[in-house]
C-alpha atoms as a PDB file:
ATOM      1  CA  MET A   1    -121.729 109.145 107.576  1.00  0.00           C
ATOM      2  CA  LYS A   2    -123.768 107.734 104.518  1.00  0.00           C
ATOM      3  CA  LYS A   3    -121.126 108.883 102.116  1.00  0.00           C
ATOM      4  CA  ILE A   4    -118.330 107.186 104.155  1.00  0.00           C
ATOM      5  CA  GLN A   5    -120.482 104.292 103.908  1.00  0.00           C
ATOM      6  CA  THR A   6    -120.793 104.320 100.307  1.00  0.00           C
ATOM      7  CA  LEU A   7    -117.404 105.023  99.470  1.00  0.00           C
ATOM      8  CA  LEU A   8    -116.063 101.758 101.926  1.00  0.00           C
ATOM      9  CA  ILE A   9    -118.488  99.939  99.797  1.00  0.00           C
ATOM     10  CA  ALA A  10    -117.610 100.661  96.650  1.00  0.00           C
ATOM     11  CA  ALA A  11    -113.681 100.298  97.840  1.00  0.00           C
ATOM     12  CA  MET A  12    -114.874  96.712  98.858  1.00  0.00           C
ATOM     13  CA  PHE A  13    -116.274  95.790  95.590  1.00  0.00           C
ATOM     14  CA  THR A  14    -113.335  97.443  93.654  1.00  0.00           C
ATOM     15  CA  THR A  15    -110.778  95.280  95.692  1.00  0.00           C
ATOM     16  CA  ALA A  16    -112.789  92.297  95.152  1.00  0.00           C
ATOM     17  CA  SER A  17    -112.798  92.332  91.472  1.00  0.00           C
ATOM     18  CA  THR A  18    -108.838  92.918  91.446  1.00  0.00           C
ATOM     19  CA  ALA A  19    -108.473  89.938  94.243  1.00  0.00           C
ATOM     20  CA  PHE A  20    -110.093  87.318  91.821  1.00  0.00           C
ATOM     21  CA  ALA A  21    -108.802  88.157  88.459  1.00  0.00           C
ATOM     22  CA  ASP A  22    -107.138  85.341  86.704  1.00  0.00           C
ATOM     23  CA  HIS A  23    -103.164  84.460  87.550  1.00  0.00           C
ATOM     24  CA  ASP A  24    -101.204  82.090  86.019  1.00  0.00           C
ATOM     25  CA  GLY A  25    -104.410  80.101  84.317  1.00  0.00           C
ATOM     26  CA  MET A  26    -106.419  79.475  87.469  1.00  0.00           C
ATOM     27  CA  GLY A  27    -109.208  81.207  89.027  1.00  0.00           C
ATOM     28  CA  GLU A  28    -107.817  83.104  91.790  1.00  0.00           C
ATOM     29  CA  HIS A  29    -110.680  81.452  93.896  1.00  0.00           C
ATOM     30  CA  CYS A  30    -109.404  78.027  93.167  1.00  0.00           C
ATOM     31  CA  LYS A  31    -105.916  79.557  94.123  1.00  0.00           C
ATOM     32  CA  MET A  32    -107.349  80.708  97.494  1.00  0.00           C
ATOM     33  CA  HIS A  33    -107.823  77.058  98.373  1.00  0.00           C
ATOM     34  CA  SER A  34    -104.942  75.538  96.929  1.00  0.00           C
ATOM     35  CA  LYS A  35    -101.346  76.100  97.169  1.00  0.00           C
ATOM     36  CA  VAL A  36    -101.171  74.312  94.206  1.00  0.00           C
ATOM     37  CA  THR A  37    -100.712  76.134  90.824  1.00  0.00           C
ATOM     38  CA  PHE A  38    -101.862  74.808  87.494  1.00  0.00           C
ATOM     39  CA  GLU A  39     -98.481  73.800  86.454  1.00  0.00           C
ATOM     40  CA  GLN A  40     -97.292  72.191  89.649  1.00  0.00           C
ATOM     41  CA  ALA A  41    -100.478  69.780  89.280  1.00  0.00           C
ATOM     42  CA  ASP A  42     -99.741  68.983  85.951  1.00  0.00           C
ATOM     43  CA  LYS A  43     -97.470  66.223  86.744  1.00  0.00           C
ATOM     44  CA  ASP A  44     -97.003  64.818  83.351  1.00  0.00           C
ATOM     45  CA  LYS A  45     -96.924  68.500  81.901  1.00  0.00           C
ATOM     46  CA  ASP A  46     -99.144  67.657  78.968  1.00  0.00           C
ATOM     47  CA  GLY A  47    -100.962  71.075  79.446  1.00  0.00           C
ATOM     48  CA  THR A  48    -104.080  69.610  80.880  1.00  0.00           C
ATOM     49  CA  LEU A  49    -105.097  68.005  84.445  1.00  0.00           C
ATOM     50  CA  ASP A  50    -106.860  64.693  84.331  1.00  0.00           C
ATOM     51  CA  ARG A  51    -109.244  63.787  87.358  1.00  0.00           C
ATOM     52  CA  GLU A  52    -106.247  62.628  89.873  1.00  0.00           C
ATOM     53  CA  GLU A  53    -104.413  66.028  89.271  1.00  0.00           C
ATOM     54  CA  ALA A  54    -107.159  68.269  89.527  1.00  0.00           C
ATOM     55  CA  LYS A  55    -108.029  67.275  92.681  1.00  0.00           C
ATOM     56  CA  VAL A  56    -105.254  69.111  94.124  1.00  0.00           C
ATOM     57  CA  VAL A  57    -106.255  72.247  92.263  1.00  0.00           C
ATOM     58  CA  CYS A  58    -109.695  73.155  92.840  1.00  0.00           C
ATOM     59  CA  GLY A  59    -112.549  71.091  95.142  1.00  0.00           C
ATOM     60  CA  GLU A  60    -115.180  71.346  92.182  1.00  0.00           C
ATOM     61  CA  LYS A  61    -116.476  68.196  90.679  1.00  0.00           C
ATOM     62  CA  PHE A  62    -114.636  67.080  87.778  1.00  0.00           C
ATOM     63  CA  GLU A  63    -117.755  66.857  85.446  1.00  0.00           C
ATOM     64  CA  VAL A  64    -118.765  70.009  86.232  1.00  0.00           C
ATOM     65  CA  MET A  65    -115.161  71.606  85.576  1.00  0.00           C
ATOM     66  CA  ASP A  66    -114.900  69.648  82.399  1.00  0.00           C
ATOM     67  CA  THR A  67    -117.128  71.452  80.096  1.00  0.00           C
ATOM     68  CA  ASP A  68    -115.716  70.043  77.012  1.00  0.00           C
ATOM     69  CA  LYS A  69    -116.124  66.584  78.136  1.00  0.00           C
ATOM     70  CA  ASP A  70    -112.948  65.491  76.892  1.00  0.00           C
ATOM     71  CA  GLY A  71    -111.729  64.164  80.318  1.00  0.00           C
ATOM     72  CA  THR A  72    -109.091  66.618  81.022  1.00  0.00           C
ATOM     73  CA  LEU A  73    -109.145  70.287  82.336  1.00  0.00           C
ATOM     74  CA  THR A  74    -107.365  73.361  80.598  1.00  0.00           C
ATOM     75  CA  LYS A  75    -106.626  76.581  82.468  1.00  0.00           C
ATOM     76  CA  GLU A  76    -109.683  77.832  81.140  1.00  0.00           C
ATOM     77  CA  GLU A  77    -111.769  75.575  82.299  1.00  0.00           C
ATOM     78  CA  LEU A  78    -110.107  76.235  85.571  1.00  0.00           C
ATOM     79  CA  ASN A  79    -110.866  79.878  84.945  1.00  0.00           C
ATOM     80  CA  VAL A  80    -114.195  79.245  84.793  1.00  0.00           C
ATOM     81  CA  CYS A  81    -114.565  77.717  87.867  1.00  0.00           C
ATOM     82  CA  GLY A  82    -112.709  80.956  89.246  1.00  0.00           C
ATOM     83  CA  ARG A  83    -115.261  83.077  87.867  1.00  0.00           C
ATOM     84  CA  LYS A  84    -118.625  81.541  89.013  1.00  0.00           C
ATOM     85  CA  LYS A  85    -116.905  81.125  92.748  1.00  0.00           C
ATOM     86  CA  HIS A  86    -115.923  84.704  92.141  1.00  0.00           C
ATOM     87  CA  ASN A  87    -119.522  85.761  91.014  1.00  0.00           C
ATOM     88  CA  ALA A  88    -120.953  83.660  93.699  1.00  0.00           C
ATOM     89  CA  HIS A  89    -118.776  85.084  96.267  1.00  0.00           C
ATOM     90  CA  ASP A  90    -119.320  88.772  95.116  1.00  0.00           C
ATOM     91  CA  LYS A  91    -123.253  88.663  95.313  1.00  0.00           C
ATOM     92  CA  LEU A  92    -122.784  86.911  99.183  1.00  0.00           C
ATOM     93  CA  HIS A  93    -120.640  89.970  99.982  1.00  0.00           C
ATOM     94  CA  GLU A  94    -122.979  92.239  98.627  1.00  0.00           C
ATOM     95  CA  LYS A  95    -125.906  90.660 100.499  1.00  0.00           C
ATOM     96  CA  ARG A  96    -123.723  90.904 103.693  1.00  0.00           C
ATOM     97  CA  SER A  97    -122.566  94.453 103.264  1.00  0.00           C
ATOM     98  CA  LYS A  98    -126.471  95.273 102.944  1.00  0.00           C
ATOM     99  CA  GLU A  99    -127.203  93.366 106.122  1.00  0.00           C
ATOM    100  CA  PHE A 100    -124.569  94.988 108.141  1.00  0.00           C
ATOM    101  CA  ALA A 101    -125.608  98.588 106.873  1.00  0.00           C
ATOM    102  CA  ALA A 102    -129.255  98.088 107.624  1.00  0.00           C
ATOM    103  CA  ALA A 103    -128.207  96.834 111.065  1.00  0.00           C
ATOM    104  CA  ASP A 104    -125.673  99.717 111.695  1.00  0.00           C
ATOM    105  CA  LYS A 105    -128.423 102.175 112.734  1.00  0.00           C
ATOM    106  CA  ASP A 106    -125.944 104.965 113.653  1.00  0.00           C
ATOM    107  CA  GLY A 107    -124.008 104.873 110.307  1.00  0.00           C
ATOM    108  CA  ASP A 108    -120.670 104.575 111.789  1.00  0.00           C
ATOM    109  CA  GLY A 109    -119.491 101.852 110.081  1.00  0.00           C
ATOM    110  CA  THR A 110    -119.634  99.526 113.252  1.00  0.00           C
ATOM    111  CA  LEU A 111    -121.974  97.660 115.108  1.00  0.00           C
ATOM    112  CA  THR A 112    -122.785  97.796 118.711  1.00  0.00           C
ATOM    113  CA  LYS A 113    -123.989  94.671 120.611  1.00  0.00           C
ATOM    114  CA  SER A 114    -127.545  95.866 120.288  1.00  0.00           C
ATOM    115  CA  GLU A 115    -127.276  96.861 116.762  1.00  0.00           C
ATOM    116  CA  ALA A 116    -125.683  93.167 115.796  1.00  0.00           C
ATOM    117  CA  LYS A 117    -129.303  91.570 117.249  1.00  0.00           C
ATOM    118  CA  LYS A 118    -130.353  92.025 113.611  1.00  0.00           C
ATOM    119  CA  LEU A 119    -127.602  89.702 112.814  1.00  0.00           C
ATOM    120  CA  LYS A 120    -128.232  86.461 114.090  1.00  0.00           C
ATOM    121  CA  LYS A 121    -124.695  85.044 113.812  1.00  0.00           C
ATOM    122  CA  VAL A 122    -122.819  87.853 114.390  1.00  0.00           C
ATOM    123  CA  HIS A 123    -124.835  88.583 117.658  1.00  0.00           C
ATOM    124  CA  LYS A 124    -124.128  85.232 119.198  1.00  0.00           C
ATOM    125  CA  ASN A 125    -120.506  85.650 118.463  1.00  0.00           C
ATOM    126  CA  PHE A 126    -119.628  89.204 118.740  1.00  0.00           C
ATOM    127  CA  ASP A 127    -117.234  88.890 121.656  1.00  0.00           C
ATOM    128  CA  VAL A 128    -115.285  86.765 119.589  1.00  0.00           C
ATOM    129  CA  ILE A 129    -115.847  88.888 116.551  1.00  0.00           C
ATOM    130  CA  ASP A 130    -114.885  92.048 118.108  1.00  0.00           C
ATOM    131  CA  ALA A 131    -111.038  91.389 117.860  1.00  0.00           C
ATOM    132  CA  ASP A 132    -109.563  94.649 119.313  1.00  0.00           C
ATOM    133  CA  LYS A 133    -112.326  94.509 122.069  1.00  0.00           C
ATOM    134  CA  ASP A 134    -113.702  98.102 121.282  1.00  0.00           C
ATOM    135  CA  GLY A 135    -117.007  96.810 122.091  1.00  0.00           C
ATOM    136  CA  THR A 136    -118.326  97.367 118.557  1.00  0.00           C
ATOM    137  CA  VAL A 137    -117.856  95.148 115.621  1.00  0.00           C
ATOM    138  CA  SER A 138    -116.756  96.404 112.120  1.00  0.00           C
ATOM    139  CA  ARG A 139    -117.466  94.946 108.566  1.00  0.00           C
ATOM    140  CA  ASP A 140    -113.787  93.798 108.629  1.00  0.00           C
ATOM    141  CA  GLU A 141    -113.782  91.962 111.890  1.00  0.00           C
ATOM    142  CA  VAL A 142    -116.920  90.626 110.591  1.00  0.00           C
ATOM    143  CA  HIS A 143    -115.844  89.369 107.471  1.00  0.00           C
ATOM    144  CA  ASP A 144    -112.542  87.788 108.988  1.00  0.00           C
ATOM    145  CA  PHE A 145    -114.305  86.110 111.219  1.00  0.00           C
ATOM    146  CA  MET A 146    -117.053  84.383 108.913  1.00  0.00           C
ATOM    147  CA  HIS A 147    -114.337  83.818 106.544  1.00  0.00           C
ATOM    148  CA  LYS A 148    -112.585  81.854 109.240  1.00  0.00           C
ATOM    149  CA  THR A 149    -115.585  79.737 110.442  1.00  0.00           C
ATOM    150  CA  LYS A 150    -116.566  78.699 107.007  1.00  0.00           C
END
């Protein structure tokens, strides 16, 4: 059972790294929060985003993203935004996966309501998280719930 759990965690990290790959010059995490591409946001088509144009692409503070302090954002500066968020996201996923695994006493990849007591938010929302109503919650069900309630 531990081998399955290890393989599942390894698969999760493999998929996470490809999910956050750079696409069309914008960090994937930023793209998840914005339906607007860099090109669409660049209204004046000058190859950079000014403060107003950048608002629709990524919610980061403009001053933080504008690493060269020239008053505009390039695709590379947006990639940095995506990589920073990606790294933080990966660390949080790793922490939550470890917590889930520690709570999963029988190592079956799911938590019963009793096992979920170790995870306060999961236990509190167990019935809502249990999407398929089988009396257990999987890591995917917990993940989906947590992303919906951010």
